């Protein structure tokens, strides 16, 4: 499922590179290889390939993310939670503004936000820090509407 590449977009032939929707690439944060069809992925992989071709390789290591604007709904998703052990809701999911946070064990592995860009951005950064073991995500803080999302990263 896709052209297999390494972290700089190089194929099994050292002179051939690929980037974007067509690639199956390693994601060290998630610990697996994946194919991802999204604009942010294509842009960042393209940068990694360009750097490698220019002789200054900068590996592609990002939490996968996606967004879509559908009329009055901004849908934003980060991470790929394949096993969800628990989830936390911020807001009211019967409304037009809420966010779900997904955990595998004690690691934050995903966020789905509807019209909550601040929660999405902070959640995306928190996923990366959580997966790297740099910061733990506190479910109570994620659900607390009185706490600003940027405070989660402090």
N, C-alpha and C. Protein backbone atom coordinates (compact mmCIF):
# COMPACT_ATOMS: atom_id res chain seq x y z
N UNK A 1 0.84 -1.18 0.00
CA UNK A 1 0.00 0.00 0.00
C UNK A 1 0.88 1.24 0.00
N UNK A 2 1.37 1.61 -1.14
CA UNK A 2 2.20 2.80 -1.27
C UNK A 2 3.64 2.48 -1.59
N UNK A 3 4.37 3.50 -2.00
CA UNK A 3 5.81 3.37 -2.28
C UNK A 3 6.53 3.42 -0.94
N UNK A 4 7.26 2.39 -0.63
CA UNK A 4 7.96 2.31 0.67
C UNK A 4 9.17 3.24 0.65
N UNK A 5 9.20 4.13 1.63
CA UNK A 5 10.31 5.09 1.77
C UNK A 5 10.81 5.09 3.21
N UNK A 6 12.00 5.66 3.39
CA UNK A 6 12.53 5.83 4.74
C UNK A 6 12.14 7.21 5.28
N UNK A 7 12.74 7.62 6.39
CA UNK A 7 12.34 8.88 7.05
C UNK A 7 12.70 10.13 6.27
N UNK A 8 13.49 10.02 5.20
CA UNK A 8 13.78 11.19 4.36
C UNK A 8 13.17 11.04 2.95
N UNK A 9 12.31 10.02 2.78
CA UNK A 9 11.62 9.84 1.51
C UNK A 9 12.38 9.05 0.47
N UNK A 10 13.45 8.41 0.88
CA UNK A 10 14.28 7.63 -0.05
C UNK A 10 13.69 6.23 -0.21
N UNK A 11 13.63 5.76 -1.45
CA UNK A 11 13.14 4.41 -1.74
C UNK A 11 14.29 3.42 -1.59
N UNK A 12 14.06 2.17 -1.99
CA UNK A 12 15.12 1.16 -1.93
C UNK A 12 16.25 1.47 -2.91
N UNK A 13 15.97 2.31 -3.90
CA UNK A 13 17.01 2.81 -4.80
C UNK A 13 17.47 4.16 -4.26
N UNK A 14 18.72 4.27 -3.89
CA UNK A 14 19.25 5.47 -3.25
C UNK A 14 19.07 6.75 -4.07
N UNK A 15 18.79 6.61 -5.37
CA UNK A 15 18.64 7.78 -6.23
C UNK A 15 17.18 8.15 -6.51
N UNK A 16 16.27 7.42 -5.91
CA UNK A 16 14.84 7.69 -6.14
C UNK A 16 14.16 8.03 -4.82
N UNK A 17 13.42 9.14 -4.84
CA UNK A 17 12.70 9.62 -3.67
C UNK A 17 11.22 9.74 -4.00
N UNK A 18 10.40 9.70 -2.98
CA UNK A 18 8.96 9.90 -3.15
C UNK A 18 8.43 10.61 -1.91
N UNK A 19 7.36 11.35 -2.09
CA UNK A 19 6.75 12.07 -0.96
C UNK A 19 5.24 12.18 -1.17
N UNK A 20 4.53 12.31 -0.08
CA UNK A 20 3.11 12.59 -0.14
C UNK A 20 2.21 11.38 -0.05
N UNK A 21 1.02 11.52 -0.64
CA UNK A 21 -0.04 10.51 -0.53
C UNK A 21 0.37 9.12 -1.00
N UNK A 22 1.33 9.05 -1.92
CA UNK A 22 1.70 7.77 -2.53
C UNK A 22 2.65 6.94 -1.66
N UNK A 23 3.17 7.51 -0.58
CA UNK A 23 4.22 6.81 0.17
C UNK A 23 3.70 6.04 1.38
N UNK A 24 4.41 4.99 1.69
CA UNK A 24 4.25 4.26 2.94
C UNK A 24 5.52 4.56 3.71
N UNK A 25 5.39 5.35 4.76
CA UNK A 25 6.57 5.87 5.44
C UNK A 25 6.58 5.50 6.92
N UNK A 26 7.78 5.43 7.51
CA UNK A 26 7.86 5.12 8.94
C UNK A 26 7.43 6.32 9.77
N UNK A 27 6.71 6.04 10.84
CA UNK A 27 6.37 7.09 11.80
C UNK A 27 6.87 6.61 13.15
N UNK A 28 8.03 7.13 13.56
CA UNK A 28 8.64 6.66 14.79
C UNK A 28 7.82 7.03 16.02
N UNK A 29 7.03 8.09 15.95
CA UNK A 29 6.19 8.46 17.09
C UNK A 29 5.10 7.42 17.33
N UNK A 30 4.59 6.85 16.24
CA UNK A 30 3.53 5.85 16.35
C UNK A 30 4.09 4.43 16.34
N UNK A 31 5.37 4.30 16.00
CA UNK A 31 6.00 2.99 15.99
C UNK A 31 5.51 2.08 14.89
N UNK A 32 5.16 2.66 13.75
CA UNK A 32 4.71 1.83 12.63
C UNK A 32 4.86 2.57 11.31
N UNK A 33 4.71 1.82 10.23
CA UNK A 33 4.74 2.40 8.89
C UNK A 33 3.30 2.72 8.51
N UNK A 34 3.13 3.83 7.79
CA UNK A 34 1.77 4.21 7.42
C UNK A 34 1.73 4.96 6.10
N UNK A 35 0.57 4.94 5.49
CA UNK A 35 0.30 5.76 4.31
C UNK A 35 -0.73 6.79 4.74
N UNK A 36 -0.47 8.04 4.46
CA UNK A 36 -1.33 9.12 4.95
C UNK A 36 -1.65 10.07 3.81
N UNK A 37 -2.91 10.25 3.53
CA UNK A 37 -3.35 11.14 2.46
C UNK A 37 -3.82 12.45 3.07
N UNK A 38 -2.89 13.38 3.23
CA UNK A 38 -3.24 14.70 3.76
C UNK A 38 -2.26 15.74 3.23
N UNK A 39 -2.74 16.96 3.10
CA UNK A 39 -1.91 18.06 2.61
C UNK A 39 -0.71 18.30 3.54
N UNK A 40 -0.91 18.39 4.87
CA UNK A 40 0.25 18.65 5.74
C UNK A 40 1.34 17.57 5.60
N UNK A 41 0.93 16.32 5.48
CA UNK A 41 1.89 15.24 5.30
C UNK A 41 2.67 15.41 4.01
N UNK A 42 1.99 15.72 2.92
CA UNK A 42 2.66 15.90 1.63
C UNK A 42 3.66 17.05 1.68
N UNK A 43 3.29 18.14 2.31
CA UNK A 43 4.19 19.30 2.41
C UNK A 43 5.43 18.96 3.23
N UNK A 44 5.23 18.38 4.41
CA UNK A 44 6.37 18.09 5.29
C UNK A 44 7.26 16.98 4.72
N UNK A 45 6.68 15.98 4.10
CA UNK A 45 7.50 14.95 3.45
C UNK A 45 8.28 15.55 2.29
N UNK A 46 7.66 16.44 1.55
CA UNK A 46 8.36 17.12 0.45
C UNK A 46 9.57 17.88 0.94
N UNK A 47 9.44 18.54 2.08
CA UNK A 47 10.58 19.25 2.68
C UNK A 47 11.69 18.28 3.06
N UNK A 48 11.31 17.13 3.62
CA UNK A 48 12.31 16.14 4.01
C UNK A 48 13.05 15.60 2.78
N UNK A 49 12.31 15.34 1.71
CA UNK A 49 12.93 14.86 0.46
C UNK A 49 13.86 15.91 -0.11
N UNK A 50 13.41 17.16 -0.17
CA UNK A 50 14.25 18.24 -0.72
C UNK A 50 15.54 18.38 0.08
N UNK A 51 15.44 18.30 1.40
CA UNK A 51 16.64 18.40 2.24
C UNK A 51 17.60 17.25 1.97
N UNK A 52 17.06 16.05 1.82
CA UNK A 52 17.91 14.88 1.55
C UNK A 52 18.60 15.01 0.19
N UNK A 53 17.86 15.43 -0.82
CA UNK A 53 18.44 15.59 -2.16
C UNK A 53 19.55 16.65 -2.14
N UNK A 54 19.38 17.68 -1.32
CA UNK A 54 20.38 18.76 -1.22
C UNK A 54 21.55 18.40 -0.32
N UNK A 55 21.53 17.19 0.25
CA UNK A 55 22.65 16.74 1.07
C UNK A 55 22.58 17.14 2.53
N UNK A 56 21.46 17.68 2.96
CA UNK A 56 21.27 18.05 4.37
C UNK A 56 20.00 17.38 4.90
N UNK A 57 20.04 16.06 5.04
CA UNK A 57 18.82 15.33 5.41
C UNK A 57 18.22 15.78 6.74
N UNK A 58 16.93 16.02 6.71
CA UNK A 58 16.15 16.35 7.91
C UNK A 58 14.96 15.40 7.92
N UNK A 59 15.07 14.32 8.69
CA UNK A 59 14.01 13.30 8.69
C UNK A 59 12.63 13.86 9.03
N UNK A 60 11.64 13.23 8.44
CA UNK A 60 10.24 13.57 8.67
C UNK A 60 9.75 12.84 9.90
N UNK A 61 9.46 13.58 10.95
CA UNK A 61 8.93 13.01 12.20
C UNK A 61 7.80 13.92 12.67
N UNK A 62 6.58 13.58 12.34
CA UNK A 62 5.45 14.41 12.74
C UNK A 62 4.27 13.57 13.19
N UNK A 63 3.49 14.13 14.11
CA UNK A 63 2.21 13.53 14.45
C UNK A 63 1.30 13.76 13.24
N UNK A 64 0.71 12.71 12.69
CA UNK A 64 -0.19 12.90 11.55
C UNK A 64 -1.37 13.78 11.94
N UNK A 65 -1.76 14.66 11.02
CA UNK A 65 -2.93 15.49 11.28
C UNK A 65 -3.65 15.83 10.00
N UNK A 66 -4.88 16.28 10.17
CA UNK A 66 -5.79 16.50 9.05
C UNK A 66 -6.81 17.55 9.46
N UNK A 67 -7.32 18.29 8.49
CA UNK A 67 -8.43 19.21 8.78
C UNK A 67 -9.36 19.25 7.58
N UNK A 68 -10.59 19.63 7.84
CA UNK A 68 -11.56 19.84 6.77
C UNK A 68 -12.59 20.86 7.25
N UNK A 69 -12.90 21.80 6.39
CA UNK A 69 -13.96 22.77 6.67
C UNK A 69 -15.20 22.33 5.91
N UNK A 70 -16.26 22.05 6.64
CA UNK A 70 -17.52 21.61 6.06
C UNK A 70 -18.62 22.58 6.50
N UNK A 71 -18.91 23.55 5.66
CA UNK A 71 -19.89 24.60 5.98
C UNK A 71 -19.47 25.29 7.27
N UNK A 72 -20.25 25.17 8.35
CA UNK A 72 -19.91 25.87 9.60
C UNK A 72 -19.12 24.99 10.57
N UNK A 73 -18.61 23.87 10.09
CA UNK A 73 -17.87 22.94 10.94
C UNK A 73 -16.41 22.88 10.51
N UNK A 74 -15.52 23.11 11.46
CA UNK A 74 -14.09 22.90 11.24
C UNK A 74 -13.72 21.61 11.97
N UNK A 75 -13.42 20.58 11.20
CA UNK A 75 -13.02 19.29 11.75
C UNK A 75 -11.50 19.22 11.71
N UNK A 76 -10.88 18.91 12.85
CA UNK A 76 -9.43 18.76 12.92
C UNK A 76 -9.12 17.48 13.69
N UNK A 77 -8.20 16.70 13.15
CA UNK A 77 -7.84 15.42 13.76
C UNK A 77 -6.32 15.33 13.80
N UNK A 78 -5.79 14.85 14.92
CA UNK A 78 -4.35 14.60 15.04
C UNK A 78 -4.15 13.24 15.69
N UNK A 79 -3.06 12.58 15.27
CA UNK A 79 -2.76 11.26 15.79
C UNK A 79 -3.52 10.19 15.04
N UNK A 80 -3.20 8.95 15.37
CA UNK A 80 -3.88 7.80 14.78
C UNK A 80 -4.10 6.79 15.90
N UNK A 81 -5.12 7.02 16.70
CA UNK A 81 -5.35 6.10 17.81
C UNK A 81 -5.95 4.78 17.32
N UNK A 82 -5.12 3.76 17.19
CA UNK A 82 -5.60 2.47 16.69
C UNK A 82 -6.16 1.62 17.82
N UNK A 83 -5.69 1.85 19.03
CA UNK A 83 -6.23 1.16 20.20
C UNK A 83 -6.60 2.25 21.20
N UNK A 84 -7.87 2.36 21.51
CA UNK A 84 -8.33 3.38 22.45
C UNK A 84 -8.71 2.70 23.76
N UNK A 85 -7.94 3.00 24.80
CA UNK A 85 -8.24 2.44 26.12
C UNK A 85 -9.20 3.34 26.90
N UNK A 86 -9.09 4.64 26.66
CA UNK A 86 -10.00 5.59 27.32
C UNK A 86 -10.08 6.85 26.47
N UNK A 87 -11.11 7.63 26.72
CA UNK A 87 -11.26 8.89 25.99
C UNK A 87 -11.86 9.93 26.93
N UNK A 88 -11.56 11.19 26.61
CA UNK A 88 -11.98 12.32 27.44
C UNK A 88 -12.67 13.33 26.53
N UNK A 89 -13.81 13.82 26.97
CA UNK A 89 -14.56 14.81 26.22
C UNK A 89 -14.38 16.18 26.85
N UNK A 90 -14.12 17.17 26.01
CA UNK A 90 -14.09 18.57 26.43
C UNK A 90 -15.20 19.27 25.67
N UNK A 91 -16.16 19.79 26.40
CA UNK A 91 -17.32 20.40 25.77
C UNK A 91 -18.48 19.42 25.73
N UNK A 92 -19.46 19.74 24.90
CA UNK A 92 -20.67 18.95 24.77
C UNK A 92 -20.74 18.42 23.34
N UNK A 93 -20.62 17.09 23.19
CA UNK A 93 -20.57 16.55 21.84
C UNK A 93 -21.92 16.55 21.12
N UNK A 94 -22.95 17.06 21.76
CA UNK A 94 -24.21 17.27 21.04
C UNK A 94 -24.29 18.70 20.50
N UNK A 95 -23.24 19.48 20.79
CA UNK A 95 -23.18 20.86 20.31
C UNK A 95 -22.31 20.94 19.05
N UNK A 96 -22.03 22.13 18.61
CA UNK A 96 -21.21 22.35 17.42
C UNK A 96 -19.79 22.75 17.79
N UNK A 97 -19.37 22.42 19.04
CA UNK A 97 -18.04 22.79 19.51
C UNK A 97 -17.61 21.87 20.65
N UNK A 98 -16.68 20.95 20.34
CA UNK A 98 -16.20 20.02 21.36
C UNK A 98 -14.91 19.37 20.88
N UNK A 99 -14.26 18.63 21.77
CA UNK A 99 -13.05 17.88 21.41
C UNK A 99 -13.03 16.57 22.18
N UNK A 100 -12.65 15.52 21.50
CA UNK A 100 -12.41 14.21 22.12
C UNK A 100 -10.91 13.96 22.14
N UNK A 101 -10.42 13.44 23.24
CA UNK A 101 -9.01 13.08 23.40
C UNK A 101 -8.94 11.58 23.66
N UNK A 102 -8.04 10.88 22.95
CA UNK A 102 -7.96 9.43 23.02
C UNK A 102 -6.64 8.99 23.64
N UNK A 103 -6.73 8.00 24.52
CA UNK A 103 -5.55 7.49 25.23
C UNK A 103 -5.37 6.01 24.94
N UNK A 104 -4.10 5.62 24.80
CA UNK A 104 -3.70 4.23 24.79
C UNK A 104 -2.82 4.08 26.02
N UNK A 105 -3.32 3.36 27.01
CA UNK A 105 -2.64 3.36 28.30
C UNK A 105 -2.67 4.77 28.86
N UNK A 106 -1.49 5.25 29.27
CA UNK A 106 -1.42 6.63 29.79
C UNK A 106 -0.93 7.62 28.75
N UNK A 107 -0.78 7.19 27.51
CA UNK A 107 -0.30 8.06 26.43
C UNK A 107 -1.46 8.65 25.64
N UNK A 108 -1.42 9.96 25.44
CA UNK A 108 -2.39 10.61 24.57
C UNK A 108 -2.01 10.27 23.13
N UNK A 109 -2.92 9.66 22.38
CA UNK A 109 -2.60 9.22 21.03
C UNK A 109 -3.44 9.87 19.94
N UNK A 110 -4.47 10.63 20.34
CA UNK A 110 -5.29 11.27 19.32
C UNK A 110 -6.20 12.34 19.87
N UNK A 111 -6.59 13.24 18.98
CA UNK A 111 -7.57 14.28 19.30
C UNK A 111 -8.43 14.51 18.06
N UNK A 112 -9.73 14.63 18.28
CA UNK A 112 -10.67 15.03 17.25
C UNK A 112 -11.38 16.27 17.76
N UNK A 113 -11.28 17.36 17.03
CA UNK A 113 -11.87 18.62 17.48
C UNK A 113 -12.86 19.14 16.45
N UNK A 114 -13.99 19.58 16.93
CA UNK A 114 -15.01 20.23 16.11
C UNK A 114 -15.10 21.67 16.58
N UNK A 115 -14.70 22.59 15.71
CA UNK A 115 -14.74 24.03 16.02
C UNK A 115 -14.02 24.36 17.33
N UNK A 116 -12.91 23.68 17.58
CA UNK A 116 -12.08 23.93 18.76
C UNK A 116 -10.61 23.97 18.34
N UNK A 117 -10.20 24.99 17.57
CA UNK A 117 -8.82 25.03 17.08
C UNK A 117 -7.76 25.11 18.18
N UNK A 118 -8.03 25.80 19.27
CA UNK A 118 -7.04 25.89 20.35
C UNK A 118 -6.81 24.52 20.98
N UNK A 119 -7.88 23.77 21.19
CA UNK A 119 -7.76 22.42 21.75
C UNK A 119 -7.01 21.51 20.78
N UNK A 120 -7.31 21.67 19.49
CA UNK A 120 -6.62 20.86 18.49
C UNK A 120 -5.12 21.14 18.49
N UNK A 121 -4.74 22.41 18.42
CA UNK A 121 -3.31 22.75 18.34
C UNK A 121 -2.56 22.29 19.59
N UNK A 122 -3.09 22.58 20.76
CA UNK A 122 -2.43 22.16 21.99
C UNK A 122 -2.44 20.64 22.10
N UNK A 123 -3.55 20.02 21.70
CA UNK A 123 -3.63 18.57 21.73
C UNK A 123 -2.62 17.91 20.82
N UNK A 124 -2.43 18.46 19.64
CA UNK A 124 -1.45 17.92 18.69
C UNK A 124 -0.04 17.97 19.28
N UNK A 125 0.31 19.10 19.89
CA UNK A 125 1.63 19.21 20.52
C UNK A 125 1.75 18.27 21.71
N UNK A 126 0.67 18.13 22.46
CA UNK A 126 0.68 17.25 23.63
C UNK A 126 0.81 15.79 23.23
N UNK A 127 0.20 15.40 22.11
CA UNK A 127 0.35 14.03 21.62
C UNK A 127 1.82 13.73 21.39
N UNK A 128 2.51 14.62 20.69
CA UNK A 128 3.94 14.41 20.40
C UNK A 128 4.74 14.31 21.69
N UNK A 129 4.51 15.22 22.62
CA UNK A 129 5.24 15.20 23.89
C UNK A 129 4.91 13.96 24.71
N UNK A 130 3.65 13.54 24.66
CA UNK A 130 3.23 12.35 25.39
C UNK A 130 3.88 11.09 24.81
N UNK A 131 3.87 10.97 23.47
CA UNK A 131 4.46 9.79 22.83
C UNK A 131 5.97 9.74 23.01
N UNK A 132 6.62 10.90 23.13
CA UNK A 132 8.07 10.95 23.36
C UNK A 132 8.41 10.77 24.84
N UNK A 133 7.40 10.76 25.70
CA UNK A 133 7.63 10.63 27.13
C UNK A 133 8.09 11.92 27.79
N UNK A 134 7.91 13.05 27.12
CA UNK A 134 8.37 14.34 27.65
C UNK A 134 7.36 14.99 28.58
N UNK A 135 6.09 14.65 28.42
CA UNK A 135 5.04 15.29 29.20
C UNK A 135 3.84 14.35 29.24
N UNK A 136 3.22 14.23 30.39
CA UNK A 136 2.02 13.40 30.51
C UNK A 136 0.78 14.25 30.31
N UNK A 137 -0.19 13.70 29.63
CA UNK A 137 -1.46 14.38 29.44
C UNK A 137 -2.38 14.01 30.60
N UNK A 138 -2.90 15.00 31.28
CA UNK A 138 -3.78 14.78 32.42
C UNK A 138 -5.23 14.84 31.95
N UNK A 139 -5.95 13.72 31.97
CA UNK A 139 -7.33 13.71 31.48
C UNK A 139 -8.22 14.75 32.16
N UNK A 140 -8.04 14.97 33.45
CA UNK A 140 -8.87 15.96 34.16
C UNK A 140 -8.63 17.36 33.62
N UNK A 141 -7.39 17.69 33.30
CA UNK A 141 -7.08 19.02 32.75
C UNK A 141 -7.66 19.17 31.35
N UNK A 142 -7.61 18.11 30.56
CA UNK A 142 -8.15 18.17 29.20
C UNK A 142 -9.65 18.44 29.22
N UNK A 143 -10.35 17.89 30.20
CA UNK A 143 -11.80 18.05 30.29
C UNK A 143 -12.21 19.37 30.94
N UNK A 144 -11.32 19.99 31.70
CA UNK A 144 -11.63 21.19 32.47
C UNK A 144 -11.78 22.41 31.56
N UNK A 145 -13.01 22.87 31.36
CA UNK A 145 -13.28 24.01 30.48
C UNK A 145 -12.71 25.32 31.02
N UNK A 146 -12.40 25.37 32.31
CA UNK A 146 -11.82 26.59 32.89
C UNK A 146 -10.32 26.70 32.62
N UNK A 147 -9.71 25.63 32.17
CA UNK A 147 -8.27 25.63 31.88
C UNK A 147 -8.05 25.91 30.40
N UNK A 148 -7.16 26.83 30.10
CA UNK A 148 -6.83 27.15 28.71
C UNK A 148 -5.96 26.03 28.13
N UNK A 149 -6.21 25.65 26.87
CA UNK A 149 -5.42 24.58 26.26
C UNK A 149 -3.91 24.79 26.33
N UNK A 150 -3.43 26.02 26.19
CA UNK A 150 -1.97 26.23 26.23
C UNK A 150 -1.40 25.88 27.60
N UNK A 151 -2.23 25.88 28.65
CA UNK A 151 -1.76 25.52 29.98
C UNK A 151 -1.43 24.03 30.08
N UNK A 152 -1.98 23.22 29.19
CA UNK A 152 -1.69 21.79 29.20
C UNK A 152 -0.22 21.52 28.92
N UNK A 153 0.43 22.44 28.23
CA UNK A 153 1.81 22.25 27.79
C UNK A 153 2.83 22.79 28.78
N UNK A 154 2.37 23.40 29.86
CA UNK A 154 3.28 24.02 30.84
C UNK A 154 3.89 22.98 31.75
